[in-house]
N, C-alpha and C. Protein backbone atom coordinates (compact mmCIF):
# COMPACT_ATOMS: atom_id res chain seq x y z
N UNK A 1 82.89 -3.39 21.24
CA UNK A 1 81.75 -2.30 22.17
C UNK A 1 80.60 -1.84 21.04
N UNK A 2 81.25 -1.21 20.31
CA UNK A 2 80.09 -0.65 19.16
C UNK A 2 79.68 -2.13 18.52
N UNK A 3 79.91 -2.82 18.29
CA UNK A 3 79.28 -4.13 17.77
C UNK A 3 77.91 -4.47 18.83
N UNK A 4 78.28 -4.69 20.20
CA UNK A 4 77.53 -4.76 21.00
C UNK A 4 75.94 -3.91 21.14
N UNK A 5 76.59 -2.48 21.12
CA UNK A 5 75.71 -1.45 20.90
C UNK A 5 74.77 -1.84 20.11
N UNK A 6 75.25 -1.95 18.71
CA UNK A 6 74.85 -1.97 17.70
C UNK A 6 73.83 -3.02 17.45
N UNK A 7 74.13 -4.58 18.24
CA UNK A 7 73.34 -5.53 18.44
C UNK A 7 71.94 -5.25 19.23
N UNK A 8 72.55 -4.52 20.16
CA UNK A 8 71.54 -4.26 21.68
C UNK A 8 70.22 -3.01 20.68
N UNK A 9 70.79 -2.16 20.02
CA UNK A 9 69.76 -1.78 19.61
C UNK A 9 68.67 -2.34 18.24
N UNK A 10 69.60 -3.38 17.68
CA UNK A 10 68.83 -3.91 16.72
C UNK A 10 67.72 -4.60 17.07
N UNK A 11 68.45 -5.40 18.59
CA UNK A 11 67.51 -6.34 19.22
C UNK A 11 66.03 -5.68 19.83
N UNK A 12 66.56 -4.37 20.15
CA UNK A 12 65.29 -3.24 21.04
C UNK A 12 64.35 -3.23 19.95
N UNK A 13 64.75 -2.92 18.52
CA UNK A 13 63.85 -2.34 17.41
C UNK A 13 62.93 -3.71 17.37
N UNK A 14 63.74 -4.67 17.44
CA UNK A 14 63.04 -6.29 16.78
C UNK A 14 61.86 -6.37 18.13
N UNK A 15 62.33 -6.37 19.25
CA UNK A 15 61.50 -6.38 20.37
C UNK A 15 60.08 -5.84 19.92
N UNK A 16 60.44 -4.60 20.11
CA UNK A 16 59.24 -3.27 19.74
C UNK A 16 58.47 -3.63 18.84
N UNK A 17 58.87 -4.13 17.73
CA UNK A 17 58.39 -4.30 16.25
C UNK A 17 57.26 -5.30 16.68
N UNK A 18 58.02 -6.60 17.43
CA UNK A 18 57.23 -7.77 17.63
C UNK A 18 55.82 -7.18 18.78
N UNK A 19 55.89 -6.54 19.54
CA UNK A 19 55.13 -6.01 20.70
C UNK A 19 54.01 -5.18 19.78
N UNK A 20 54.61 -4.47 18.75
CA UNK A 20 53.33 -3.87 17.89
C UNK A 20 52.83 -4.58 17.41
N UNK A 21 52.93 -5.68 16.73
CA UNK A 21 52.77 -6.78 15.82
C UNK A 21 51.28 -7.34 16.56
N UNK A 22 52.02 -7.71 17.96
CA UNK A 22 51.15 -8.52 19.04
C UNK A 22 49.84 -7.69 19.15
N UNK A 23 50.04 -6.48 19.38
CA UNK A 23 48.78 -5.31 19.71
C UNK A 23 47.88 -5.22 19.05
N UNK A 24 48.63 -5.22 17.63
CA UNK A 24 47.62 -4.99 16.92
C UNK A 24 46.77 -6.38 16.14
N UNK A 25 47.39 -7.45 16.23
CA UNK A 25 46.58 -8.71 16.48
C UNK A 25 45.55 -8.69 17.30
N UNK A 26 45.75 -8.26 18.74
CA UNK A 26 45.04 -8.50 19.80
C UNK A 26 43.98 -7.99 19.28
N UNK A 27 44.09 -6.70 19.24
CA UNK A 27 42.76 -5.45 18.52
C UNK A 27 42.07 -6.01 17.52
N UNK A 28 42.69 -6.70 16.89
CA UNK A 28 41.89 -7.13 15.40
C UNK A 28 41.10 -8.38 15.91
N UNK A 29 41.62 -9.44 16.92
CA UNK A 29 40.91 -10.50 17.55
C UNK A 29 39.66 -9.89 18.09
N UNK A 30 40.40 -8.74 19.09
CA UNK A 30 39.07 -8.64 19.52
C UNK A 30 37.90 -8.07 19.10
N UNK A 31 38.14 -7.41 17.72
CA UNK A 31 37.19 -6.46 16.68
C UNK A 31 36.32 -7.71 16.54
N UNK A 32 36.85 -8.88 15.93
CA UNK A 32 36.45 -9.84 15.69
C UNK A 32 35.44 -10.87 16.24
N UNK A 33 35.70 -10.58 17.67
CA UNK A 33 35.08 -11.32 18.77
C UNK A 33 33.94 -10.12 19.12
N UNK A 34 33.29 -9.04 18.62
CA UNK A 34 32.64 -8.23 19.41
C UNK A 34 31.50 -8.80 19.59
N UNK A 35 30.58 -8.30 20.28
CA UNK A 35 29.41 -8.80 20.06
C UNK A 35 28.54 -8.84 19.01
N UNK A 36 27.81 -9.61 18.46
CA UNK A 36 27.03 -9.69 17.32
C UNK A 36 25.84 -8.05 17.27
N UNK A 37 25.29 -8.06 16.44
CA UNK A 37 24.29 -6.97 16.50
C UNK A 37 23.20 -7.46 17.10
N UNK A 38 22.27 -6.64 17.73
CA UNK A 38 21.12 -7.39 18.37
C UNK A 38 19.98 -7.83 17.39
N UNK A 39 19.52 -9.08 17.44
CA UNK A 39 18.44 -9.33 16.36
C UNK A 39 17.35 -8.58 16.29
N UNK A 40 17.03 -8.09 14.94
CA UNK A 40 15.61 -7.35 14.80
C UNK A 40 14.43 -8.25 14.88
N UNK A 41 13.55 -7.93 15.88
CA UNK A 41 12.15 -8.64 15.72
C UNK A 41 11.37 -7.74 14.75
N UNK A 42 10.86 -9.14 13.89
CA UNK A 42 9.92 -8.48 12.42
C UNK A 42 8.76 -9.47 12.82
N UNK A 43 7.69 -8.37 12.07
CA UNK A 43 6.50 -9.23 12.28
C UNK A 43 5.91 -8.70 10.76
N UNK A 44 4.89 -9.42 10.32
CA UNK A 44 4.12 -9.50 8.83
C UNK A 44 2.87 -9.22 8.94
N UNK A 45 2.33 -8.75 7.74
CA UNK A 45 0.76 -8.32 7.84
C UNK A 45 0.16 -8.47 6.39
N UNK A 46 -0.78 -9.39 6.31
CA UNK A 46 -1.51 -9.83 5.17
C UNK A 46 -2.61 -8.63 4.90
N UNK A 47 -2.24 -7.66 3.80
CA UNK A 47 -2.74 -6.41 3.98
C UNK A 47 -3.99 -6.61 3.41
N UNK A 48 -4.38 -7.39 2.42
CA UNK A 48 -5.62 -7.59 1.63
C UNK A 48 -6.54 -8.37 2.84
N UNK A 49 -5.98 -9.20 3.40
CA UNK A 49 -7.03 -9.96 4.66
C UNK A 49 -7.19 -9.04 5.58
N UNK A 50 -6.46 -7.63 6.06
CA UNK A 50 -6.82 -6.87 6.84
C UNK A 50 -7.99 -5.83 6.55
N UNK A 51 -7.81 -5.66 5.10
CA UNK A 51 -8.89 -4.80 4.76
C UNK A 51 -10.01 -5.32 5.00
N UNK A 52 -10.02 -6.76 4.38
CA UNK A 52 -11.38 -6.98 3.97
C UNK A 52 -11.83 -7.67 5.68
N UNK A 53 -11.43 -7.61 6.55
CA UNK A 53 -11.49 -8.05 8.01
C UNK A 53 -12.05 -6.72 8.76
N UNK A 54 -11.99 -5.38 8.16
CA UNK A 54 -11.77 -4.13 8.97
C UNK A 54 -13.41 -3.86 8.90
N UNK A 55 -14.04 -3.60 10.01
CA UNK A 55 -15.76 -3.31 9.76
C UNK A 55 -15.68 -1.98 9.28
N UNK A 56 -14.89 -1.22 9.29
CA UNK A 56 -14.83 -0.20 8.98
C UNK A 56 -14.80 0.39 7.31
N UNK A 57 -13.97 -0.77 6.83
CA UNK A 57 -13.54 -0.88 5.46
C UNK A 57 -14.89 -1.47 4.67
N UNK A 58 -15.79 -2.41 5.63
CA UNK A 58 -16.94 -2.83 4.90
C UNK A 58 -17.96 -1.78 4.98
N UNK A 59 -18.12 -1.01 5.80
CA UNK A 59 -18.80 0.37 6.04
C UNK A 59 -18.56 1.14 4.62
N UNK A 60 -17.55 1.28 4.42
CA UNK A 60 -17.22 1.89 3.38
C UNK A 60 -17.57 1.37 2.07
N UNK A 61 -17.58 -0.14 2.19
CA UNK A 61 -17.86 -0.64 0.70
C UNK A 61 -19.33 -0.45 0.52
N UNK A 62 -20.13 -0.33 1.55
CA UNK A 62 -21.36 -0.32 1.36
C UNK A 62 -22.02 1.03 1.25
N UNK A 63 -21.31 1.98 1.40
CA UNK A 63 -21.38 3.56 1.26
C UNK A 63 -21.02 3.56 -0.56
N UNK A 64 -20.08 2.94 -0.72
CA UNK A 64 -19.79 2.85 -2.49
C UNK A 64 -20.77 2.21 -2.99
N UNK A 65 -21.80 0.95 -2.63
CA UNK A 65 -22.52 0.22 -3.15
C UNK A 65 -23.80 1.14 -3.21
N UNK A 66 -24.18 2.01 -2.36
CA UNK A 66 -25.38 2.86 -2.05
C UNK A 66 -25.07 4.08 -3.13
N UNK A 67 -23.83 4.62 -3.34
CA UNK A 67 -23.74 5.58 -4.20
C UNK A 67 -23.74 4.98 -6.01
N UNK A 68 -23.34 3.88 -5.86
CA UNK A 68 -23.24 3.60 -7.24
C UNK A 68 -24.89 2.96 -7.59
N UNK A 69 -25.58 2.59 -6.41
CA UNK A 69 -27.17 2.13 -6.95
C UNK A 69 -27.64 3.47 -7.23
N UNK A 70 -27.55 4.70 -6.55
CA UNK A 70 -28.26 5.93 -6.90
C UNK A 70 -27.70 6.74 -7.85
N UNK A 71 -26.32 6.44 -8.44
CA UNK A 71 -26.04 7.04 -9.74
C UNK A 71 -26.92 6.03 -10.88
N UNK A 72 -26.66 4.78 -11.01
CA UNK A 72 -27.26 4.13 -11.67
C UNK A 72 -28.72 4.28 -11.91
N UNK A 73 -29.58 4.81 -11.10
CA UNK A 73 -31.11 5.21 -10.99
C UNK A 73 -31.13 6.02 -11.79
N UNK A 74 -30.31 7.36 -11.46
CA UNK A 74 -30.23 8.29 -12.05
C UNK A 74 -30.00 8.49 -13.24
N UNK A 75 -29.08 7.83 -13.58
CA UNK A 75 -28.29 7.61 -15.17
C UNK A 75 -29.36 6.98 -15.93
N UNK A 76 -30.25 6.23 -15.46
CA UNK A 76 -31.08 5.01 -16.22
C UNK A 76 -32.21 6.18 -16.70
N UNK A 77 -32.71 6.95 -15.47
CA UNK A 77 -33.90 8.15 -15.45
C UNK A 77 -33.15 9.13 -16.66
N UNK A 78 -31.93 9.58 -16.63
CA UNK A 78 -31.71 10.55 -17.54
C UNK A 78 -31.39 10.20 -18.99
N UNK A 79 -31.18 8.91 -18.87
CA UNK A 79 -30.80 7.79 -20.34
C UNK A 79 -32.32 7.77 -21.16
N UNK A 80 -33.50 7.47 -20.30
CA UNK A 80 -34.68 7.64 -20.85
C UNK A 80 -35.00 8.87 -21.50
N UNK A 81 -34.66 9.78 -20.76
CA UNK A 81 -34.79 11.32 -21.18
C UNK A 81 -34.28 11.41 -22.22
N UNK A 82 -33.18 11.21 -22.66
CA UNK A 82 -32.53 11.23 -23.60
C UNK A 82 -32.86 10.63 -24.83
N UNK A 83 -33.51 9.58 -24.65
CA UNK A 83 -34.20 8.84 -26.04
C UNK A 83 -35.35 9.19 -25.98
N UNK A 84 -36.03 9.57 -25.19
CA UNK A 84 -37.58 9.94 -25.57
C UNK A 84 -37.18 11.32 -26.49
N UNK A 85 -36.23 12.45 -26.14
CA UNK A 85 -35.87 13.65 -26.91
C UNK A 85 -35.64 12.98 -28.25
N UNK A 86 -34.79 11.90 -28.31
CA UNK A 86 -34.35 11.48 -29.98
C UNK A 86 -35.41 11.07 -30.73
N UNK A 87 -36.60 10.33 -30.02
CA UNK A 87 -37.79 9.85 -30.44
C UNK A 87 -38.16 10.97 -31.17
N UNK A 88 -38.46 12.42 -30.07
CA UNK A 88 -39.24 13.26 -30.89
C UNK A 88 -38.60 13.75 -32.11
N UNK A 89 -37.32 13.32 -32.34
CA UNK A 89 -36.71 14.18 -33.48
C UNK A 89 -37.39 13.31 -34.87
N UNK A 90 -38.00 12.36 -34.54
CA UNK A 90 -38.49 11.50 -35.82
C UNK A 90 -39.96 12.00 -36.07
N UNK A 91 -40.69 12.78 -35.33
CA UNK A 91 -41.66 13.13 -35.60
C UNK A 91 -42.05 14.54 -36.63
N UNK A 92 -40.71 14.81 -36.74
CA UNK A 92 -40.55 16.09 -37.79
C UNK A 92 -39.94 15.80 -38.99
N UNK A 93 -40.35 16.55 -40.25
CA UNK A 93 -39.40 15.99 -41.02
C UNK A 93 -38.16 16.75 -41.22
N UNK A 94 -36.83 15.63 -41.79
CA UNK A 94 -35.88 16.54 -41.33
C UNK A 94 -35.33 17.66 -42.30
N UNK A 95 -34.72 18.62 -41.38
CA UNK A 95 -34.38 20.02 -41.61
C UNK A 95 -35.51 21.01 -41.57
N UNK A 96 -36.55 20.70 -41.05
CA UNK A 96 -37.72 21.46 -40.63
C UNK A 96 -37.16 22.25 -39.29
N UNK A 97 -37.58 23.34 -39.33
CA UNK A 97 -37.65 23.82 -37.93
C UNK A 97 -37.81 23.16 -36.82
N UNK A 98 -38.98 22.45 -36.38
CA UNK A 98 -38.87 21.64 -35.45
C UNK A 98 -38.49 20.58 -35.14
N UNK A 99 -37.69 20.14 -36.22
CA UNK A 99 -36.94 18.88 -36.36
C UNK A 99 -35.44 19.48 -35.85
N UNK A 100 -35.24 20.64 -36.26
CA UNK A 100 -34.27 21.40 -35.69
C UNK A 100 -34.12 21.55 -34.06
N UNK A 101 -35.23 22.03 -33.75
CA UNK A 101 -35.61 22.57 -32.29
C UNK A 101 -35.27 20.88 -31.48
N UNK A 102 -36.20 20.00 -31.87
CA UNK A 102 -35.92 18.78 -31.20
C UNK A 102 -34.62 18.13 -31.07
N UNK A 103 -33.80 18.13 -32.40
CA UNK A 103 -32.52 17.33 -32.15
C UNK A 103 -31.69 18.65 -31.44
N UNK A 104 -31.64 19.74 -31.19
CA UNK A 104 -31.01 20.65 -30.33
C UNK A 104 -31.04 20.25 -28.85
N UNK A 105 -32.48 20.17 -28.69
CA UNK A 105 -32.89 19.56 -27.33
C UNK A 105 -31.93 18.24 -26.80
N UNK A 106 -32.17 17.29 -28.06
CA UNK A 106 -31.91 16.07 -27.57
C UNK A 106 -30.45 16.11 -27.48
N UNK A 107 -29.63 17.03 -28.50
CA UNK A 107 -28.13 17.17 -28.00
C UNK A 107 -27.59 17.36 -27.11
N UNK A 108 -28.30 18.62 -26.45
CA UNK A 108 -27.92 19.25 -25.05
C UNK A 108 -28.27 18.05 -24.26
N UNK A 109 -29.55 17.18 -24.15
CA UNK A 109 -29.48 16.46 -23.02
C UNK A 109 -28.66 15.24 -22.78
N UNK A 110 -28.45 14.94 -24.22
CA UNK A 110 -27.43 13.78 -24.57
C UNK A 110 -25.84 13.96 -23.75
N UNK A 111 -25.29 15.46 -23.97
CA UNK A 111 -24.35 16.06 -23.66
C UNK A 111 -24.17 15.90 -21.85
N UNK A 112 -25.61 16.37 -21.29
CA UNK A 112 -25.61 16.46 -20.12
C UNK A 112 -25.67 15.25 -19.28
N UNK A 113 -26.22 14.38 -19.73
CA UNK A 113 -26.23 13.00 -19.37
C UNK A 113 -24.74 12.43 -19.46
N UNK A 114 -24.09 12.61 -20.40
CA UNK A 114 -22.68 11.81 -20.66
C UNK A 114 -21.63 12.78 -19.50
N UNK A 115 -22.21 13.94 -19.38
CA UNK A 115 -21.34 14.88 -18.18
C UNK A 115 -21.73 14.36 -16.81
N UNK A 116 -23.13 14.39 -16.72
CA UNK A 116 -23.50 13.66 -15.20
C UNK A 116 -22.93 12.17 -14.98
N UNK A 117 -22.68 11.38 -15.85
CA UNK A 117 -22.23 10.01 -15.47
C UNK A 117 -20.79 10.42 -15.53
N UNK A 118 -20.02 10.83 -16.06
CA UNK A 118 -18.42 11.02 -15.77
C UNK A 118 -18.26 12.00 -14.59
N UNK A 119 -18.85 12.85 -14.00
CA UNK A 119 -18.80 13.59 -13.14
C UNK A 119 -18.90 12.49 -11.90
N UNK A 120 -20.20 11.73 -12.11
CA UNK A 120 -20.19 11.11 -10.58
C UNK A 120 -19.55 9.57 -10.61
N UNK A 121 -18.78 9.15 -11.82
CA UNK A 121 -17.90 8.43 -12.01
C UNK A 121 -16.71 8.88 -11.19
N UNK A 122 -16.29 10.05 -11.64
CA UNK A 122 -15.29 10.66 -10.79
C UNK A 122 -15.58 10.79 -9.35
N UNK A 123 -16.42 11.14 -9.38
CA UNK A 123 -16.63 11.54 -7.77
C UNK A 123 -16.55 10.00 -6.75
N UNK A 124 -17.01 9.27 -7.22
CA UNK A 124 -17.09 8.01 -6.37
C UNK A 124 -15.83 7.19 -6.30
N UNK A 125 -14.70 7.81 -7.33
CA UNK A 125 -13.25 6.77 -7.81
C UNK A 125 -12.67 8.05 -6.73
N UNK A 126 -12.84 9.54 -6.61
CA UNK A 126 -12.38 10.03 -5.30
C UNK A 126 -12.36 9.44 -4.28
N UNK A 127 -13.51 9.13 -3.85
CA UNK A 127 -14.31 8.98 -2.26
C UNK A 127 -13.48 7.38 -2.24
N UNK A 128 -13.54 6.76 -3.32
CA UNK A 128 -12.74 5.38 -2.90
C UNK A 128 -11.44 5.65 -2.53
N UNK A 129 -10.92 6.02 -3.45
CA UNK A 129 -9.34 6.44 -3.23
C UNK A 129 -9.27 7.04 -1.77
N UNK A 130 -10.09 8.01 -1.60
CA UNK A 130 -9.50 8.76 -0.06
C UNK A 130 -9.94 7.90 1.10
N UNK A 131 -10.64 7.20 1.02
CA UNK A 131 -11.04 6.20 2.40
C UNK A 131 -10.54 5.04 1.71
N UNK A 132 -9.60 4.78 1.07
CA UNK A 132 -8.65 3.67 1.19
C UNK A 132 -7.17 4.37 1.65
N UNK A 133 -7.06 5.57 1.21
CA UNK A 133 -5.87 6.03 2.10
C UNK A 133 -6.10 6.65 3.47
N UNK A 134 -7.31 7.07 3.70
CA UNK A 134 -7.42 7.22 4.91
C UNK A 134 -7.22 5.67 6.00
N UNK A 135 -8.09 4.60 5.38
CA UNK A 135 -7.95 3.55 6.41
C UNK A 135 -6.61 2.96 6.47
N UNK A 136 -5.64 2.90 5.09
CA UNK A 136 -4.15 2.80 5.09
C UNK A 136 -3.41 3.67 6.22
N UNK A 137 -3.67 4.82 6.48
CA UNK A 137 -2.84 5.34 7.33
C UNK A 137 -3.16 5.01 8.72
N UNK A 138 -4.60 4.74 8.99
CA UNK A 138 -4.84 3.87 10.31
C UNK A 138 -4.22 2.73 10.61
N UNK A 139 -3.98 1.92 9.24
CA UNK A 139 -3.69 0.35 9.65
C UNK A 139 -2.21 0.67 10.14
N UNK A 140 -1.30 1.91 9.13
CA UNK A 140 0.01 1.90 9.52
C UNK A 140 0.31 2.62 11.09
N UNK A 141 -0.63 3.32 11.32
CA UNK A 141 -0.82 3.71 12.84
C UNK A 141 -1.08 2.43 13.95
N UNK A 142 -2.05 1.58 13.56
CA UNK A 142 -2.40 0.61 14.77
C UNK A 142 -1.30 -0.25 14.80
N UNK A 143 -0.25 -0.69 13.39
CA UNK A 143 0.46 -1.46 13.44
C UNK A 143 1.73 -0.88 14.22
N UNK A 144 1.89 -0.03 14.18
CA UNK A 144 3.15 0.88 15.28
C UNK A 144 3.01 0.69 16.64
N UNK A 145 1.49 0.85 17.04
CA UNK A 145 0.82 0.68 18.29
C UNK A 145 1.15 -1.01 18.73
N UNK A 146 1.00 -1.74 17.89
CA UNK A 146 1.20 -3.43 18.43
C UNK A 146 2.66 -3.51 18.35
N UNK A 147 3.52 -2.90 17.41
CA UNK A 147 5.15 -2.87 17.32
C UNK A 147 5.55 -2.50 18.81
N UNK A 148 4.82 -1.57 18.94
CA UNK A 148 5.35 -0.72 20.23
C UNK A 148 5.21 -1.34 21.59
N UNK A 149 4.12 -2.10 21.57
CA UNK A 149 3.33 -3.13 22.75
C UNK A 149 4.24 -4.30 22.94
N UNK A 150 4.32 -4.89 21.42
CA UNK A 150 4.92 -6.28 21.50
C UNK A 150 6.74 -6.45 21.35
N UNK A 151 7.17 -5.15 21.04
CA UNK A 151 8.54 -4.96 20.85
C UNK A 151 8.80 -5.16 19.45
N UNK A 152 8.27 -5.04 18.45
CA UNK A 152 8.84 -5.40 16.96
C UNK A 152 9.61 -4.35 16.87
N UNK A 153 10.80 -4.11 15.69
CA UNK A 153 11.36 -3.11 15.05
C UNK A 153 10.68 -3.10 13.82
N UNK A 154 10.33 -3.96 13.31
CA UNK A 154 9.79 -3.68 11.78
C UNK A 154 8.77 -4.61 11.54
N UNK A 155 7.69 -4.21 10.96
CA UNK A 155 6.56 -4.66 10.45
C UNK A 155 6.22 -4.38 9.09
N UNK A 156 6.28 -5.74 8.27
CA UNK A 156 6.18 -5.35 6.67
C UNK A 156 4.81 -5.82 6.12
N UNK A 157 4.74 -5.84 5.09
CA UNK A 157 3.50 -6.45 4.21
C UNK A 157 3.77 -7.53 3.74
N UNK A 158 3.10 -8.52 4.00
CA UNK A 158 3.66 -10.07 3.59
C UNK A 158 2.85 -10.17 2.25
N UNK A 159 3.77 -10.04 1.17
CA UNK A 159 3.56 -9.99 -0.15
C UNK A 159 3.42 -11.29 -0.84
N UNK A 160 4.26 -12.39 0.27
CA UNK A 160 4.26 -13.41 -0.38
C UNK A 160 3.05 -14.46 -0.44
N UNK A 161 2.14 -13.92 0.28
CA UNK A 161 0.53 -14.36 0.32
C UNK A 161 0.25 -14.02 -1.04
N UNK A 162 0.18 -13.47 -1.77
CA UNK A 162 -0.61 -13.01 -3.24
C UNK A 162 0.03 -13.70 -3.85
N UNK A 163 -0.53 -14.72 -4.79
CA UNK A 163 0.01 -15.39 -5.80
C UNK A 163 0.28 -14.65 -7.13
N UNK A 164 1.31 -15.29 -7.98
CA UNK A 164 1.51 -14.04 -9.20
C UNK A 164 0.88 -14.40 -10.09
N UNK A 165 -0.14 -14.13 -10.76
CA UNK A 165 -1.15 -14.42 -11.87
C UNK A 165 -0.33 -15.22 -12.91
N UNK A 166 -1.23 -16.10 -13.10
CA UNK A 166 -0.50 -17.32 -14.11
C UNK A 166 -0.45 -16.52 -15.94
N UNK A 167 -1.39 -15.59 -15.95
CA UNK A 167 -1.42 -15.01 -17.07
C UNK A 167 -0.45 -13.74 -17.23
N UNK A 168 0.40 -13.51 -16.22
CA UNK A 168 1.10 -12.29 -16.01
C UNK A 168 2.00 -12.16 -17.56
N UNK A 169 2.06 -10.98 -17.92
CA UNK A 169 2.92 -10.68 -19.04
C UNK A 169 4.27 -10.38 -19.10
N UNK A 170 4.34 -9.94 -17.55
CA UNK A 170 6.00 -9.79 -17.14
C UNK A 170 5.93 -10.05 -15.88
N UNK A 171 6.62 -11.63 -16.04
CA UNK A 171 6.61 -12.30 -15.02
C UNK A 171 7.97 -11.99 -13.97
N UNK A 172 8.85 -11.39 -14.72
CA UNK A 172 10.30 -10.89 -14.13
C UNK A 172 9.79 -9.77 -12.88
N UNK A 173 8.89 -8.93 -13.79
CA UNK A 173 8.86 -7.66 -12.84
C UNK A 173 7.39 -7.92 -11.84
N UNK A 174 7.02 -9.07 -11.55
CA UNK A 174 6.28 -9.68 -10.47
C UNK A 174 7.03 -10.21 -9.48
N UNK A 175 7.81 -10.87 -10.11
CA UNK A 175 8.89 -11.30 -9.16
C UNK A 175 9.59 -10.55 -8.23
N UNK A 176 10.28 -9.30 -9.42
CA UNK A 176 11.35 -8.32 -8.28
C UNK A 176 10.52 -7.54 -7.53
N UNK A 177 9.10 -7.32 -7.71
CA UNK A 177 8.42 -6.40 -7.17
C UNK A 177 8.18 -6.93 -5.55
N UNK A 178 8.09 -8.21 -5.62
CA UNK A 178 8.17 -9.12 -4.17
C UNK A 178 9.23 -8.66 -3.04
N UNK A 179 8.71 -8.46 -1.88
CA UNK A 179 9.73 -8.09 -1.18
C UNK A 179 10.11 -9.28 -0.06
N UNK A 180 8.83 -10.55 0.39
CA UNK A 180 8.84 -11.07 1.64
C UNK A 180 9.22 -12.62 0.49
N UNK A 181 9.67 -13.51 0.87
CA UNK A 181 9.72 -14.71 0.12
C UNK A 181 9.22 -15.79 1.08
N UNK A 182 9.39 -15.71 2.47
CA UNK A 182 8.88 -16.56 3.32
C UNK A 182 8.48 -15.80 4.66
N UNK A 183 7.54 -16.20 5.25
CA UNK A 183 7.43 -15.83 6.84
C UNK A 183 6.69 -16.45 7.44
N UNK A 184 6.97 -17.14 8.61
CA UNK A 184 6.57 -18.13 9.84
C UNK A 184 5.29 -17.79 9.95
N UNK A 185 4.42 -18.37 10.41
CA UNK A 185 2.79 -18.08 10.46
C UNK A 185 2.96 -17.38 12.21
N UNK A 186 4.07 -17.42 12.78
CA UNK A 186 4.29 -16.83 14.22
C UNK A 186 4.57 -15.47 14.14
N UNK A 187 4.78 -15.03 12.76
CA UNK A 187 5.30 -13.62 12.64
C UNK A 187 4.01 -12.88 12.33
N UNK A 188 3.41 -13.34 11.67
CA UNK A 188 2.05 -12.92 11.41
C UNK A 188 1.14 -12.14 12.22
N UNK A 189 0.61 -10.84 12.41
CA UNK A 189 -0.05 -10.10 13.30
C UNK A 189 -1.28 -9.65 13.04
N UNK A 190 -1.86 -10.06 11.39
CA UNK A 190 -2.72 -9.97 10.86
C UNK A 190 -4.42 -9.72 11.75
N UNK A 191 -4.34 -10.80 12.75
CA UNK A 191 -5.73 -11.19 13.33
C UNK A 191 -5.83 -9.97 14.57
N UNK A 192 -4.51 -9.81 15.04
CA UNK A 192 -4.38 -8.87 16.23
C UNK A 192 -4.66 -7.39 15.64
N UNK A 193 -3.87 -6.99 14.49
CA UNK A 193 -4.25 -5.60 14.07
C UNK A 193 -5.61 -5.63 13.53
N UNK A 194 -6.34 -6.51 12.80
CA UNK A 194 -7.70 -6.31 12.54
C UNK A 194 -8.72 -6.67 13.97
N UNK A 195 -8.45 -7.16 15.31
CA UNK A 195 -8.66 -6.72 16.03
C UNK A 195 -8.73 -5.60 16.93
N UNK A 196 -7.78 -5.16 16.91
CA UNK A 196 -7.28 -3.47 17.23
C UNK A 196 -7.88 -2.84 16.62
N UNK A 197 -8.09 -2.68 15.36
CA UNK A 197 -8.84 -1.70 14.69
C UNK A 197 -10.28 -1.87 14.67
N UNK A 198 -10.96 -2.91 14.77
CA UNK A 198 -12.04 -2.96 14.77
C UNK A 198 -12.72 -2.56 16.32
N UNK A 199 -11.91 -2.96 17.34
CA UNK A 199 -12.20 -2.07 18.38
C UNK A 199 -12.21 -0.71 18.48
N UNK A 200 -11.08 -0.17 17.93
CA UNK A 200 -11.14 1.19 17.95
C UNK A 200 -12.15 1.56 17.09
N UNK A 201 -12.73 1.13 15.93
CA UNK A 201 -13.71 1.40 15.51
C UNK A 201 -15.17 1.50 16.08
N UNK A 202 -15.25 0.58 16.92
CA UNK A 202 -16.46 0.59 17.60
C UNK A 202 -16.39 1.53 18.84
N UNK A 203 -15.51 1.68 19.07
CA UNK A 203 -15.45 2.76 20.29
C UNK A 203 -15.77 4.22 20.06
N UNK A 204 -15.43 4.31 18.50
CA UNK A 204 -15.60 5.91 18.17
C UNK A 204 -17.05 5.68 17.73
N UNK A 205 -17.69 4.78 17.64
CA UNK A 205 -19.36 4.64 17.60
C UNK A 205 -19.54 4.35 16.15
N UNK A 206 -18.55 3.43 15.29
CA UNK A 206 -19.16 2.97 14.41
C UNK A 206 -19.32 4.16 13.03
């Protein structure tokens, strides 16, 4: 009797273990068969082509050219003035009071000329950087608007279209900095982005 009870307890324990293993196995199988994550809808943008296709950026470049032309004209005028003052120093004996006075005027004007050129070059660079940053933020906002409209989850800058310079001194750094190796043409929304931004620019009155 005791042997039968012992056998019964053993059989029950074995049955319970088998059921536990079966349940764990079923759970593992269900986990492995879980629905895969939803695919991410991705689009790419050629950033350089976008900038070059924007009417607003062309207007900024025109402003920069105008500023550059004004700077060049004024710099040339000041340069001639400095050269004239230098020529004046040659009219007097070296060491004379008139020579010292002419040299002092020349040196002051030369310093003013250098300061003028440096100041306006810095202003031009600041203007350029400010406009690039401003338009880049607009590109990001417009890309988001298109993504929302078309259902894209991610919009990447397609750097695969930019060739690696053949004379690059650090080819490994150039390669490692790239983020896109390949993108199908159908994923490119550059033209749509340009059209969207140009329409918005015209609507603002250019």
